[in-house]
């Protein structure tokens, strides 16, 4: 999370890696994007080490982010993150972009049809998207956001900056673990999260679900952005939206489902009618919970 602010303040361009990809795809991204600095955790040292050996260009400077909560892994960097910070200049002045159209982030596709394709986000677009997320997601002030989606996905959706703009709290999650998710919702009073349908299915079938339904979760963002709600002309996306609605009401009965219902708002009228027919009850009208 710190890197999403440290990078732009130093005039750098962010490139969050999808560590689920193979080493060759990651190596391509590091080469193609011209990576200069890479902060990495011990848990991903294996795939990163292999990717570095496959690179054709100059290797980035690797900084180890030591994680006391992680058992195993190894350090592959030249310096540890906290040590690097201790050597920094306390009088450093942030370097704002010379032009609002300058790049702030570089994201890549998964490369399923060839090499990954790069997509550039500029500072102006990141700002507008971050603020729009607050309005579209009804985040309000001081949300407590649980990260169930990888940050490399939400970087292009600008959520790291969205939560900061709303003066919110980030609750980070190493991996999708139902037990841990329910614990964190109750412990930190999570108000928002973003999850694909498969995440909700996992929560629905979790053994501790019945005991955890009283957790303090007022509203859930059902991940419509990542499930492609605006491409709702395809049946699979209607199915995903329907799964989100069922999951939300099953996990937290009586909790407002404005976020879930909103999945159908941008669809053509015919598709909305089809979803209503499949579910055998009407969706709330626009602006109605």
Protein backbone atom coordinates (compact mmCIF):
# COMPACT_ATOMS: atom_id res chain seq x y z
CA UNK A 1 0.00 0.00 0.00
CA UNK A 2 2.82 2.43 0.82
CA UNK A 3 4.33 1.91 -2.61
CA UNK A 4 1.17 3.27 -4.27
CA UNK A 5 2.04 6.63 -2.74
CA UNK A 6 5.82 6.39 -2.51
CA UNK A 7 6.17 5.70 -6.23
CA UNK A 8 4.19 8.67 -7.59
CA UNK A 9 5.74 11.00 -5.00
CA UNK A 10 9.16 10.04 -6.36
CA UNK A 11 8.06 10.60 -9.95
CA UNK A 12 7.96 6.86 -10.67
CA UNK A 13 5.40 4.77 -12.56
CA UNK A 14 3.81 1.86 -10.72
CA UNK A 15 3.61 -1.63 -12.18
CA UNK A 16 1.80 -4.03 -9.85
CA UNK A 17 2.64 -7.60 -10.88
CA UNK A 18 0.22 -10.48 -11.08
CA UNK A 19 2.28 -13.07 -9.21
CA UNK A 20 -0.19 -15.78 -10.27
CA UNK A 21 1.38 -15.71 -13.73
CA UNK A 22 4.32 -17.85 -14.71
CA UNK A 23 7.88 -16.57 -14.49
CA UNK A 24 8.16 -16.01 -18.25
CA UNK A 25 5.15 -13.66 -18.29
CA UNK A 26 6.46 -11.73 -15.31
CA UNK A 27 9.90 -11.47 -16.94
CA UNK A 28 8.27 -10.06 -20.07
CA UNK A 29 6.50 -7.38 -18.02
CA UNK A 30 9.68 -6.40 -16.19
CA UNK A 31 11.54 -6.11 -19.50
CA UNK A 32 8.77 -4.43 -21.45
CA UNK A 33 7.98 -1.89 -18.72
CA UNK A 34 11.63 -1.17 -17.98
CA UNK A 35 11.35 -1.91 -14.25
CA UNK A 36 13.97 -0.14 -12.12
CA UNK A 37 12.92 -1.10 -8.60
CA UNK A 38 11.08 -4.14 -7.28
CA UNK A 39 9.90 -4.53 -3.67
CA UNK A 40 9.06 -8.19 -3.04
CA UNK A 41 7.87 -10.43 -0.24
CA UNK A 42 9.53 -13.72 0.73
CA UNK A 43 6.37 -15.59 -0.29
CA UNK A 44 6.87 -14.75 -3.96
CA UNK A 45 10.65 -15.02 -4.01
CA UNK A 46 10.59 -18.24 -6.02
CA UNK A 47 8.70 -16.98 -9.07
CA UNK A 48 10.42 -13.59 -8.95
CA UNK A 49 13.89 -15.18 -8.81
CA UNK A 50 13.08 -17.26 -11.87
CA UNK A 51 11.64 -14.24 -13.69
CA UNK A 52 14.79 -12.24 -13.01
CA UNK A 53 16.91 -14.94 -14.61
CA UNK A 54 14.67 -14.93 -17.69
CA UNK A 55 14.90 -11.19 -18.23
CA UNK A 56 16.69 -10.03 -21.38
CA UNK A 57 17.35 -6.49 -20.20
CA UNK A 58 18.86 -5.02 -17.06
CA UNK A 59 17.48 -6.36 -13.79
CA UNK A 60 15.63 -4.06 -11.39
CA UNK A 61 16.98 -3.22 -7.96
CA UNK A 62 15.25 -5.71 -5.64
CA UNK A 63 14.14 -4.65 -2.16
CA UNK A 64 13.06 -7.35 0.27
CA UNK A 65 9.91 -6.61 2.27
CA UNK A 66 10.46 -8.79 5.31
CA UNK A 67 7.17 -10.21 6.61
CA UNK A 68 7.26 -11.54 10.16
CA UNK A 69 3.82 -13.12 9.70
CA UNK A 70 5.02 -15.31 6.84
CA UNK A 71 6.85 -18.58 7.51
CA UNK A 72 9.29 -19.73 4.86
CA UNK A 73 10.48 -18.10 1.68
CA UNK A 74 13.81 -16.40 1.21
CA UNK A 75 15.33 -13.00 0.71
CA UNK A 76 16.61 -12.27 -2.78
CA UNK A 77 17.10 -8.50 -2.65
CA UNK A 78 20.02 -6.18 -2.14
CA UNK A 79 18.48 -4.48 0.90
CA UNK A 80 15.51 -4.83 3.25
CA UNK A 81 12.63 -2.35 2.94
CA UNK A 82 12.84 -0.85 6.43
CA UNK A 83 16.62 -0.47 6.09
CA UNK A 84 16.10 1.33 2.80
CA UNK A 85 13.63 3.72 4.43
CA UNK A 86 16.08 4.47 7.25
CA UNK A 87 18.61 5.64 4.67
CA UNK A 88 16.16 8.04 3.04
CA UNK A 89 16.21 11.82 3.12
CA UNK A 90 13.83 13.23 5.72
CA UNK A 91 13.79 16.52 3.81
CA UNK A 92 12.80 14.92 0.53
CA UNK A 93 10.20 16.93 -1.37
CA UNK A 94 7.61 15.09 -3.40
CA UNK A 95 7.92 15.41 -7.16
CA UNK A 96 4.49 16.14 -8.61
CA UNK A 97 3.86 15.29 -12.28
CA UNK A 98 4.85 17.94 -14.79
CA UNK A 99 1.62 17.24 -16.65
CA UNK A 100 -1.60 15.66 -15.37
CA UNK A 101 -1.49 13.34 -18.36
CA UNK A 102 1.82 11.83 -17.21
CA UNK A 103 1.69 8.14 -16.40
CA UNK A 104 1.12 7.02 -12.82
CA UNK A 105 0.66 3.28 -13.38
CA UNK A 106 1.29 0.55 -15.92
CA UNK A 107 -0.89 -2.54 -15.75
CA UNK A 108 -0.76 -5.69 -17.84
CA UNK A 109 -3.27 -8.24 -19.00
CA UNK A 110 -2.80 -11.91 -18.12
CA UNK A 111 -1.34 -12.69 -21.55
CA UNK A 112 -3.66 -15.63 -22.26
CA UNK A 113 -3.47 -14.95 -26.02
CA UNK A 114 0.22 -14.09 -26.20
CA UNK A 115 2.47 -11.72 -24.33
CA UNK A 116 0.75 -9.53 -21.71
CA UNK A 117 -0.60 -6.24 -23.05
CA UNK A 118 0.25 -3.03 -21.20
CA UNK A 119 -2.32 -0.40 -20.21
CA UNK A 120 -1.20 3.04 -18.97
CA UNK A 121 -3.11 5.06 -16.35
CA UNK A 122 -2.32 8.78 -16.12
CA UNK A 123 -2.52 11.00 -13.02
CA UNK A 124 -5.68 12.78 -14.15
CA UNK A 125 -7.48 9.54 -14.89
CA UNK A 126 -6.39 8.00 -11.59
CA UNK A 127 -7.73 10.99 -9.66
CA UNK A 128 -11.07 11.01 -11.47
CA UNK A 129 -11.49 7.26 -11.12
CA UNK A 130 -10.54 7.29 -7.43
CA UNK A 131 -13.09 9.97 -6.61
CA UNK A 132 -15.73 8.35 -8.79
CA UNK A 133 -15.30 5.11 -6.83
CA UNK A 134 -16.34 6.92 -3.66
CA UNK A 135 -19.56 8.08 -5.27
CA UNK A 136 -20.38 4.93 -7.20
CA UNK A 137 -19.56 2.67 -4.27
CA UNK A 138 -21.37 4.76 -1.64
CA UNK A 139 -18.23 4.61 0.49
CA UNK A 140 -19.10 7.66 2.53
CA UNK A 141 -16.54 8.94 5.03
CA UNK A 142 -13.96 6.76 6.80
CA UNK A 143 -14.80 3.38 5.26
CA UNK A 144 -13.06 0.26 6.58
CA UNK A 145 -12.12 -1.66 3.45
CA UNK A 146 -11.16 -5.35 3.45
CA UNK A 147 -8.85 -6.33 0.59
CA UNK A 148 -10.12 -9.66 -0.74
CA UNK A 149 -9.10 -8.85 -4.30
CA UNK A 150 -5.41 -8.69 -5.28
CA UNK A 151 -4.00 -5.19 -5.42
CA UNK A 152 -2.67 -5.70 -8.94
CA UNK A 153 -6.31 -5.90 -10.08
CA UNK A 154 -7.51 -2.91 -8.10
CA UNK A 155 -4.55 -0.74 -9.05
CA UNK A 156 -6.10 -0.16 -12.46
CA UNK A 157 -9.40 0.53 -10.70
CA UNK A 158 -7.57 3.03 -8.45
CA UNK A 159 -8.91 1.67 -5.16
CA UNK A 160 -5.67 2.22 -3.20
CA UNK A 161 -6.12 5.96 -3.79
CA UNK A 162 -9.90 5.77 -3.35
CA UNK A 163 -9.65 4.59 0.25
CA UNK A 164 -7.09 7.30 1.04
CA UNK A 165 -9.30 9.99 -0.52
CA UNK A 166 -12.20 8.84 1.66
CA UNK A 167 -9.96 8.86 4.75
CA UNK A 168 -10.58 5.15 5.12
CA UNK A 169 -8.79 2.22 6.71
CA UNK A 170 -7.23 -0.61 4.70
CA UNK A 171 -7.54 -4.11 6.17
CA UNK A 172 -5.16 -6.29 4.20
CA UNK A 173 -5.54 -10.01 3.63
CA UNK A 174 -2.75 -12.32 2.50
CA UNK A 175 -5.11 -14.76 0.78
CA UNK A 176 -8.81 -15.59 0.60
CA UNK A 177 -9.41 -17.47 3.84
CA UNK A 178 -13.05 -17.59 5.06
CA UNK A 179 -12.07 -17.96 8.70
CA UNK A 180 -9.77 -14.97 8.51
CA UNK A 181 -12.27 -12.89 6.55
CA UNK A 182 -15.03 -13.34 9.13
CA UNK A 183 -12.55 -12.62 11.94
CA UNK A 184 -11.37 -9.39 10.34
CA UNK A 185 -14.90 -8.19 9.57
CA UNK A 186 -15.84 -8.59 13.22
CA UNK A 187 -12.55 -7.33 14.66
CA UNK A 188 -12.15 -4.19 12.57
CA UNK A 189 -15.78 -3.39 11.83
CA UNK A 190 -15.31 -3.80 8.09
CA UNK A 191 -17.83 -1.73 6.15
CA UNK A 192 -16.82 -2.56 2.57
CA UNK A 193 -15.12 -5.30 0.64
CA UNK A 194 -14.88 -6.31 -2.99
CA UNK A 195 -15.15 -9.93 -4.00
CA UNK A 196 -15.71 -11.95 -7.13
CA UNK A 197 -18.60 -14.47 -7.10
CA UNK A 198 -16.23 -17.32 -6.27
CA UNK A 199 -15.21 -15.49 -3.08
CA UNK A 200 -18.83 -15.24 -2.00
CA UNK A 201 -19.41 -18.88 -2.76
CA UNK A 202 -16.46 -19.70 -0.53
CA UNK A 203 -17.93 -17.63 2.30
CA UNK A 204 -21.39 -19.15 1.91
CA UNK A 205 -20.00 -22.66 2.28
CA UNK A 206 -17.61 -21.84 5.11
CA UNK A 207 -18.23 -23.92 8.29
CA UNK A 208 -18.09 -20.81 10.50
CA UNK A 209 -20.68 -18.94 8.45
CA UNK A 210 -23.58 -19.38 10.89
CA UNK A 211 -21.56 -18.14 13.82
CA UNK A 212 -20.23 -15.17 11.87
CA UNK A 213 -23.41 -13.71 10.38
CA UNK A 214 -23.58 -11.18 13.19
CA UNK A 215 -20.27 -9.60 12.15
CA UNK A 216 -20.32 -5.83 11.81
CA UNK A 217 -20.54 -5.49 8.05
CA UNK A 218 -22.96 -2.82 6.91
CA UNK A 219 -22.52 -2.93 3.14
CA UNK A 220 -20.73 -5.12 0.64
CA UNK A 221 -19.40 -4.18 -2.76
CA UNK A 222 -19.95 -7.36 -4.74
CA UNK A 223 -17.15 -6.85 -7.23
CA UNK A 224 -19.25 -5.86 -10.20
CA UNK A 225 -16.26 -4.10 -11.71
CA UNK A 226 -14.17 -7.23 -11.81
CA UNK A 227 -17.03 -9.46 -12.91
CA UNK A 228 -17.61 -7.30 -15.99
CA UNK A 229 -21.08 -5.93 -15.22
CA UNK A 230 -20.92 -3.49 -18.12
CA UNK A 231 -20.45 -6.43 -20.46
CA UNK A 232 -23.72 -7.81 -19.16
CA UNK A 233 -24.94 -8.73 -22.61
CA UNK A 234 -23.22 -12.05 -22.04
CA UNK A 235 -25.01 -14.67 -20.00
CA UNK A 236 -22.01 -15.47 -17.81
CA UNK A 237 -22.02 -11.94 -16.42
CA UNK A 238 -25.72 -12.10 -15.65
CA UNK A 239 -25.01 -15.33 -13.80
CA UNK A 240 -22.21 -13.66 -11.85
CA UNK A 241 -24.42 -10.77 -10.82
CA UNK A 242 -27.16 -13.18 -9.77
CA UNK A 243 -24.63 -15.18 -7.72
CA UNK A 244 -23.49 -12.01 -5.96
CA UNK A 245 -27.05 -11.10 -5.02
CA UNK A 246 -27.82 -14.57 -3.66
CA UNK A 247 -24.54 -14.71 -1.76
CA UNK A 248 -25.02 -11.30 -0.19
CA UNK A 249 -28.50 -12.06 1.05
CA UNK A 250 -27.45 -15.48 2.30
CA UNK A 251 -24.43 -14.24 4.24
CA UNK A 252 -25.90 -11.06 5.65
CA UNK A 253 -29.72 -11.24 5.64
CA UNK A 254 -31.31 -7.89 6.22
CA UNK A 255 -28.17 -5.97 5.26
CA UNK A 256 -28.57 -3.29 2.60
CA UNK A 257 -27.70 -4.65 -0.85
CA UNK A 258 -27.42 -1.41 -2.79
CA UNK A 259 -24.03 -2.39 -4.16
CA UNK A 260 -25.25 -5.75 -5.36
CA UNK A 261 -28.43 -4.40 -6.89
CA UNK A 262 -26.42 -1.80 -8.75
CA UNK A 263 -24.88 -4.56 -10.85
CA UNK A 264 -27.93 -4.51 -13.09
CA UNK A 265 -28.29 -0.77 -13.53
CA UNK A 266 -26.05 -0.33 -16.55
CA UNK A 267 -27.49 -3.25 -18.47
CA UNK A 268 -29.84 -2.89 -21.45
CA UNK A 269 -33.53 -3.17 -20.36
CA UNK A 270 -33.92 -6.58 -21.99
CA UNK A 271 -31.08 -8.04 -19.91
CA UNK A 272 -32.46 -6.57 -16.70
CA UNK A 273 -35.83 -8.15 -17.46
CA UNK A 274 -34.14 -11.49 -18.08
CA UNK A 275 -32.39 -11.32 -14.73
CA UNK A 276 -35.66 -10.45 -13.00
CA UNK A 277 -37.35 -13.42 -14.68
CA UNK A 278 -34.58 -15.82 -13.70
CA UNK A 279 -34.69 -14.74 -10.09
CA UNK A 280 -38.52 -14.69 -10.05
CA UNK A 281 -38.58 -11.40 -8.19
CA UNK A 282 -37.89 -7.84 -9.20
CA UNK A 283 -34.63 -6.04 -8.59
CA UNK A 284 -34.85 -2.74 -6.70
CA UNK A 285 -35.39 0.27 -8.94
CA UNK A 286 -32.58 2.76 -9.49
CA UNK A 287 -31.76 4.54 -6.23
CA UNK A 288 -33.76 2.11 -4.10
CA UNK A 289 -32.16 -0.28 -1.60
